[in-house]
Amino acid sequence: MDKQKIDLYLVTNVKYFEPSAIPIIRTKLENATEETLLTLQACELKDPTVLLLISIFLGSFGIDRFMLGDTGMGVLKLLTAGCCGILTIIDWFSITKKVKQKNFSTISMIL
């Protein structure tokens, strides 16, 4: 694939991935086809900042976990009010990393 297209994709989507995942994605994109790039561009990635805000304001209801696709923890947080706030506070500090890992796994499945 064209190096310029790879750089453009990575620059526009760098906030969705951890810095350590960027070289891995670059290597996989170099071996990918043009159709794969089109599929990646159509793929919807979750914004870590938006999920952090949702976690801060609605985290005790488990909405942040439901949006990540982690329905088990979402139900647990919903029924226990975030385990009396403990899981909610833990998620405030860990949700952005979880979102970036989820985005990386989504991209890895396509590549």
N, C-alpha and C. Protein backbone atom coordinates (compact mmCIF):
# COMPACT_ATOMS: atom_id res chain seq x y z
N MET A 1 0.84 -1.17 0.00
CA MET A 1 0.00 0.00 0.00
C MET A 1 0.89 1.24 0.00
N ASP A 2 0.36 2.33 -0.47
CA ASP A 2 1.09 3.58 -0.57
C ASP A 2 1.43 4.13 0.82
N LYS A 3 2.68 4.52 0.99
CA LYS A 3 3.16 5.03 2.29
C LYS A 3 2.42 6.31 2.70
N GLN A 4 2.10 7.13 1.73
CA GLN A 4 1.41 8.38 2.03
C GLN A 4 -0.01 8.11 2.58
N LYS A 5 -0.70 7.13 2.03
CA LYS A 5 -2.04 6.79 2.52
C LYS A 5 -1.97 6.21 3.94
N ILE A 6 -0.94 5.42 4.19
CA ILE A 6 -0.76 4.85 5.53
C ILE A 6 -0.51 5.95 6.54
N ASP A 7 0.37 6.89 6.19
CA ASP A 7 0.67 8.00 7.09
C ASP A 7 -0.57 8.86 7.34
N LEU A 8 -1.34 9.11 6.30
CA LEU A 8 -2.56 9.90 6.46
C LEU A 8 -3.56 9.21 7.38
N TYR A 9 -3.73 7.89 7.20
CA TYR A 9 -4.65 7.15 8.06
C TYR A 9 -4.19 7.20 9.52
N LEU A 10 -2.89 7.00 9.74
CA LEU A 10 -2.38 6.99 11.12
C LEU A 10 -2.46 8.36 11.77
N VAL A 11 -2.19 9.41 11.00
CA VAL A 11 -2.25 10.77 11.58
C VAL A 11 -3.68 11.14 11.95
N THR A 12 -4.63 10.76 11.13
CA THR A 12 -6.01 11.13 11.43
C THR A 12 -6.61 10.29 12.56
N ASN A 13 -6.06 9.10 12.82
CA ASN A 13 -6.64 8.21 13.82
C ASN A 13 -5.71 7.92 14.99
N VAL A 14 -4.69 8.72 15.20
CA VAL A 14 -3.71 8.42 16.25
C VAL A 14 -4.31 8.48 17.65
N LYS A 15 -5.35 9.27 17.85
CA LYS A 15 -5.93 9.39 19.20
C LYS A 15 -6.72 8.15 19.61
N TYR A 16 -7.04 7.29 18.66
CA TYR A 16 -7.81 6.09 18.95
C TYR A 16 -6.97 4.91 19.40
N PHE A 17 -5.64 5.01 19.30
CA PHE A 17 -4.76 3.89 19.60
C PHE A 17 -3.68 4.30 20.59
N GLU A 18 -3.15 3.30 21.28
CA GLU A 18 -2.02 3.55 22.17
C GLU A 18 -0.76 3.77 21.32
N PRO A 19 0.18 4.57 21.81
CA PRO A 19 1.40 4.83 21.03
C PRO A 19 2.19 3.56 20.71
N SER A 20 2.14 2.57 21.56
CA SER A 20 2.88 1.33 21.30
C SER A 20 2.23 0.51 20.18
N ALA A 21 0.98 0.76 19.86
CA ALA A 21 0.29 0.00 18.82
C ALA A 21 0.50 0.59 17.43
N ILE A 22 0.94 1.83 17.34
CA ILE A 22 1.09 2.49 16.04
C ILE A 22 2.07 1.76 15.13
N PRO A 23 3.28 1.38 15.60
CA PRO A 23 4.19 0.65 14.69
C PRO A 23 3.62 -0.69 14.22
N ILE A 24 2.86 -1.36 15.06
CA ILE A 24 2.25 -2.63 14.68
C ILE A 24 1.21 -2.40 13.58
N ILE A 25 0.40 -1.37 13.76
CA ILE A 25 -0.62 -1.05 12.75
C ILE A 25 0.04 -0.65 11.44
N ARG A 26 1.13 0.13 11.53
CA ARG A 26 1.84 0.56 10.32
C ARG A 26 2.36 -0.66 9.55
N THR A 27 2.93 -1.62 10.25
CA THR A 27 3.46 -2.82 9.60
C THR A 27 2.34 -3.61 8.94
N LYS A 28 1.21 -3.74 9.62
CA LYS A 28 0.09 -4.48 9.04
C LYS A 28 -0.50 -3.76 7.84
N LEU A 29 -0.52 -2.42 7.90
CA LEU A 29 -1.06 -1.65 6.77
C LEU A 29 -0.16 -1.73 5.55
N GLU A 30 1.13 -1.84 5.75
CA GLU A 30 2.05 -1.94 4.61
C GLU A 30 1.80 -3.21 3.81
N ASN A 31 1.33 -4.25 4.47
CA ASN A 31 1.06 -5.52 3.79
C ASN A 31 -0.39 -5.64 3.33
N ALA A 32 -1.21 -4.65 3.61
CA ALA A 32 -2.64 -4.72 3.30
C ALA A 32 -2.91 -4.22 1.88
N THR A 33 -4.12 -4.49 1.42
CA THR A 33 -4.55 -4.05 0.08
C THR A 33 -5.35 -2.75 0.19
N GLU A 34 -5.68 -2.20 -0.96
CA GLU A 34 -6.47 -0.96 -0.99
C GLU A 34 -7.88 -1.20 -0.45
N GLU A 35 -8.43 -2.37 -0.72
CA GLU A 35 -9.78 -2.69 -0.23
C GLU A 35 -9.80 -2.75 1.30
N THR A 36 -8.70 -3.23 1.88
CA THR A 36 -8.61 -3.29 3.33
C THR A 36 -8.59 -1.89 3.93
N LEU A 37 -7.89 -0.98 3.27
CA LEU A 37 -7.87 0.41 3.74
C LEU A 37 -9.26 1.03 3.68
N LEU A 38 -9.98 0.74 2.63
CA LEU A 38 -11.36 1.26 2.53
C LEU A 38 -12.24 0.69 3.64
N THR A 39 -12.04 -0.58 3.95
CA THR A 39 -12.79 -1.19 5.05
C THR A 39 -12.43 -0.54 6.38
N LEU A 40 -11.15 -0.26 6.58
CA LEU A 40 -10.71 0.40 7.81
C LEU A 40 -11.29 1.79 7.95
N GLN A 41 -11.36 2.51 6.85
CA GLN A 41 -11.90 3.87 6.90
C GLN A 41 -13.40 3.86 7.20
N ALA A 42 -14.08 2.80 6.81
CA ALA A 42 -15.51 2.69 7.09
C ALA A 42 -15.78 2.19 8.50
N CYS A 43 -14.76 1.61 9.14
CA CYS A 43 -14.91 1.07 10.49
C CYS A 43 -15.06 2.21 11.50
N GLU A 44 -16.02 2.07 12.38
CA GLU A 44 -16.26 3.11 13.38
C GLU A 44 -15.46 2.80 14.64
N LEU A 45 -14.56 3.72 14.99
CA LEU A 45 -13.74 3.57 16.19
C LEU A 45 -14.35 4.41 17.32
N LYS A 46 -14.19 3.94 18.52
CA LYS A 46 -14.74 4.65 19.68
C LYS A 46 -13.73 5.71 20.15
N ASP A 47 -14.25 6.87 20.50
CA ASP A 47 -13.40 7.97 20.95
C ASP A 47 -13.15 7.83 22.45
N PRO A 48 -11.87 7.74 22.87
CA PRO A 48 -11.57 7.59 24.30
C PRO A 48 -12.04 8.76 25.16
N THR A 49 -12.01 9.97 24.62
CA THR A 49 -12.43 11.14 25.39
C THR A 49 -13.93 11.11 25.65
N VAL A 50 -14.69 10.73 24.66
CA VAL A 50 -16.15 10.66 24.82
C VAL A 50 -16.52 9.60 25.85
N LEU A 51 -15.87 8.44 25.76
CA LEU A 51 -16.17 7.39 26.73
C LEU A 51 -15.71 7.76 28.14
N LEU A 52 -14.66 8.54 28.26
CA LEU A 52 -14.25 9.02 29.59
C LEU A 52 -15.31 9.94 30.17
N LEU A 53 -15.85 10.84 29.36
CA LEU A 53 -16.91 11.72 29.84
C LEU A 53 -18.16 10.93 30.22
N ILE A 54 -18.51 9.95 29.41
CA ILE A 54 -19.66 9.10 29.73
C ILE A 54 -19.40 8.34 31.02
N SER A 55 -18.16 7.88 31.20
CA SER A 55 -17.81 7.16 32.42
C SER A 55 -17.91 8.05 33.65
N ILE A 56 -17.52 9.30 33.50
CA ILE A 56 -17.57 10.23 34.64
C ILE A 56 -19.02 10.52 35.03
N PHE A 57 -19.86 10.79 34.04
CA PHE A 57 -21.22 11.21 34.35
C PHE A 57 -22.22 10.07 34.49
N LEU A 58 -22.04 8.98 33.75
CA LEU A 58 -23.01 7.89 33.77
C LEU A 58 -22.38 6.54 34.09
N GLY A 59 -21.18 6.56 34.64
CA GLY A 59 -20.45 5.33 34.91
C GLY A 59 -21.08 4.44 35.94
N SER A 60 -21.78 5.00 36.89
CA SER A 60 -22.39 4.16 37.93
C SER A 60 -23.56 3.35 37.38
N PHE A 61 -24.06 3.72 36.20
CA PHE A 61 -25.12 2.95 35.54
C PHE A 61 -24.56 1.91 34.58
N GLY A 62 -23.26 1.90 34.37
CA GLY A 62 -22.62 0.91 33.50
C GLY A 62 -22.69 1.22 32.03
N ILE A 63 -23.11 2.41 31.67
CA ILE A 63 -23.27 2.75 30.26
C ILE A 63 -21.94 2.71 29.52
N ASP A 64 -20.85 3.09 30.20
CA ASP A 64 -19.54 3.06 29.56
C ASP A 64 -19.15 1.64 29.18
N ARG A 65 -19.46 0.69 30.04
CA ARG A 65 -19.13 -0.72 29.75
C ARG A 65 -20.04 -1.28 28.67
N PHE A 66 -21.30 -0.87 28.66
CA PHE A 66 -22.20 -1.32 27.58
C PHE A 66 -21.70 -0.81 26.23
N MET A 67 -21.22 0.41 26.18
CA MET A 67 -20.72 0.97 24.92
C MET A 67 -19.46 0.26 24.44
N LEU A 68 -18.68 -0.28 25.36
CA LEU A 68 -17.48 -1.03 24.99
C LEU A 68 -17.80 -2.45 24.57
N GLY A 69 -19.01 -2.89 24.83
CA GLY A 69 -19.39 -4.25 24.51
C GLY A 69 -19.16 -5.21 25.65
N ASP A 70 -18.84 -4.69 26.81
CA ASP A 70 -18.61 -5.52 28.00
C ASP A 70 -19.91 -5.55 28.81
N THR A 71 -20.86 -6.35 28.34
CA THR A 71 -22.19 -6.33 28.95
C THR A 71 -22.22 -6.92 30.35
N GLY A 72 -21.35 -7.87 30.64
CA GLY A 72 -21.33 -8.46 31.98
C GLY A 72 -20.99 -7.43 33.04
N MET A 73 -19.93 -6.67 32.82
CA MET A 73 -19.54 -5.62 33.77
C MET A 73 -20.56 -4.49 33.76
N GLY A 74 -21.17 -4.24 32.61
CA GLY A 74 -22.21 -3.21 32.54
C GLY A 74 -23.40 -3.55 33.41
N VAL A 75 -23.83 -4.80 33.35
CA VAL A 75 -24.96 -5.24 34.18
C VAL A 75 -24.57 -5.19 35.66
N LEU A 76 -23.35 -5.63 35.98
CA LEU A 76 -22.89 -5.60 37.37
C LEU A 76 -22.88 -4.17 37.91
N LYS A 77 -22.35 -3.24 37.12
CA LYS A 77 -22.33 -1.84 37.57
C LYS A 77 -23.73 -1.26 37.66
N LEU A 78 -24.61 -1.67 36.78
CA LEU A 78 -25.98 -1.17 36.80
C LEU A 78 -26.73 -1.66 38.04
N LEU A 79 -26.57 -2.92 38.37
CA LEU A 79 -27.31 -3.49 39.50
C LEU A 79 -26.73 -3.10 40.86
N THR A 80 -25.43 -2.79 40.90
CA THR A 80 -24.80 -2.48 42.20
C THR A 80 -24.37 -1.03 42.32
N ALA A 81 -24.84 -0.19 41.39
CA ALA A 81 -24.44 1.23 41.36
C ALA A 81 -22.92 1.36 41.32
N GLY A 82 -22.33 0.58 40.42
CA GLY A 82 -20.87 0.64 40.27
C GLY A 82 -20.15 0.04 41.45
N CYS A 83 -20.74 -1.01 42.04
CA CYS A 83 -20.20 -1.63 43.28
C CYS A 83 -19.94 -0.55 44.32
N CYS A 84 -20.98 0.21 44.58
CA CYS A 84 -20.96 1.31 45.55
C CYS A 84 -19.93 2.38 45.16
N GLY A 85 -19.71 2.54 43.88
CA GLY A 85 -18.81 3.59 43.39
C GLY A 85 -17.38 3.16 43.18
N ILE A 86 -17.00 2.00 43.65
CA ILE A 86 -15.60 1.57 43.54
C ILE A 86 -15.23 1.30 42.09
N LEU A 87 -16.04 0.50 41.38
CA LEU A 87 -15.76 0.22 39.96
C LEU A 87 -15.86 1.47 39.10
N THR A 88 -16.74 2.36 39.48
CA THR A 88 -16.89 3.60 38.73
C THR A 88 -15.61 4.42 38.81
N ILE A 89 -15.04 4.54 39.98
CA ILE A 89 -13.80 5.30 40.15
C ILE A 89 -12.63 4.61 39.44
N ILE A 90 -12.59 3.29 39.51
CA ILE A 90 -11.53 2.56 38.81
C ILE A 90 -11.65 2.79 37.31
N ASP A 91 -12.87 2.79 36.79
CA ASP A 91 -13.06 3.00 35.35
C ASP A 91 -12.68 4.41 34.92
N TRP A 92 -12.80 5.39 35.78
CA TRP A 92 -12.38 6.74 35.42
C TRP A 92 -10.91 6.77 35.00
N PHE A 93 -10.12 5.93 35.64
CA PHE A 93 -8.69 5.93 35.35
C PHE A 93 -8.28 4.91 34.29
N SER A 94 -9.13 3.95 34.01
CA SER A 94 -8.73 2.89 33.08
C SER A 94 -9.54 2.82 31.79
N ILE A 95 -10.57 3.63 31.66
CA ILE A 95 -11.47 3.48 30.51
C ILE A 95 -10.79 3.88 29.20
N THR A 96 -9.94 4.89 29.20
CA THR A 96 -9.31 5.30 27.95
C THR A 96 -8.39 4.20 27.42
N LYS A 97 -7.67 3.52 28.31
CA LYS A 97 -6.81 2.43 27.86
C LYS A 97 -7.64 1.28 27.31
N LYS A 98 -8.77 0.98 27.96
CA LYS A 98 -9.64 -0.09 27.49
C LYS A 98 -10.23 0.24 26.12
N VAL A 99 -10.58 1.49 25.90
CA VAL A 99 -11.14 1.90 24.61
C VAL A 99 -10.08 1.76 23.52
N LYS A 100 -8.86 2.18 23.81
CA LYS A 100 -7.80 2.08 22.81
C LYS A 100 -7.46 0.63 22.51
N GLN A 101 -7.51 -0.24 23.51
CA GLN A 101 -7.28 -1.66 23.26
C GLN A 101 -8.41 -2.26 22.43
N LYS A 102 -9.63 -1.83 22.69
CA LYS A 102 -10.78 -2.31 21.92
C LYS A 102 -10.66 -1.87 20.46
N ASN A 103 -10.26 -0.62 20.24
CA ASN A 103 -10.06 -0.13 18.88
C ASN A 103 -8.97 -0.92 18.17
N PHE A 104 -7.88 -1.21 18.88
CA PHE A 104 -6.79 -1.98 18.29
C PHE A 104 -7.25 -3.38 17.92
N SER A 105 -8.03 -4.01 18.77
CA SER A 105 -8.52 -5.35 18.45
C SER A 105 -9.48 -5.32 17.26
N THR A 106 -10.27 -4.26 17.14
CA THR A 106 -11.17 -4.13 16.00
C THR A 106 -10.38 -4.00 14.70
N ILE A 107 -9.34 -3.17 14.74
CA ILE A 107 -8.50 -2.97 13.56
C ILE A 107 -7.73 -4.27 13.24
N SER A 108 -7.27 -4.96 14.25
CA SER A 108 -6.52 -6.19 14.04
C SER A 108 -7.37 -7.27 13.38
N MET A 109 -8.65 -7.32 13.70
CA MET A 109 -9.53 -8.30 13.07
C MET A 109 -9.68 -8.02 11.57
N ILE A 110 -9.69 -6.75 11.22
CA ILE A 110 -9.84 -6.38 9.81
C ILE A 110 -8.54 -6.64 9.05
N LEU A 111 -7.43 -6.33 9.69
CA LEU A 111 -6.14 -6.52 9.02
C LEU A 111 -5.74 -7.98 9.09
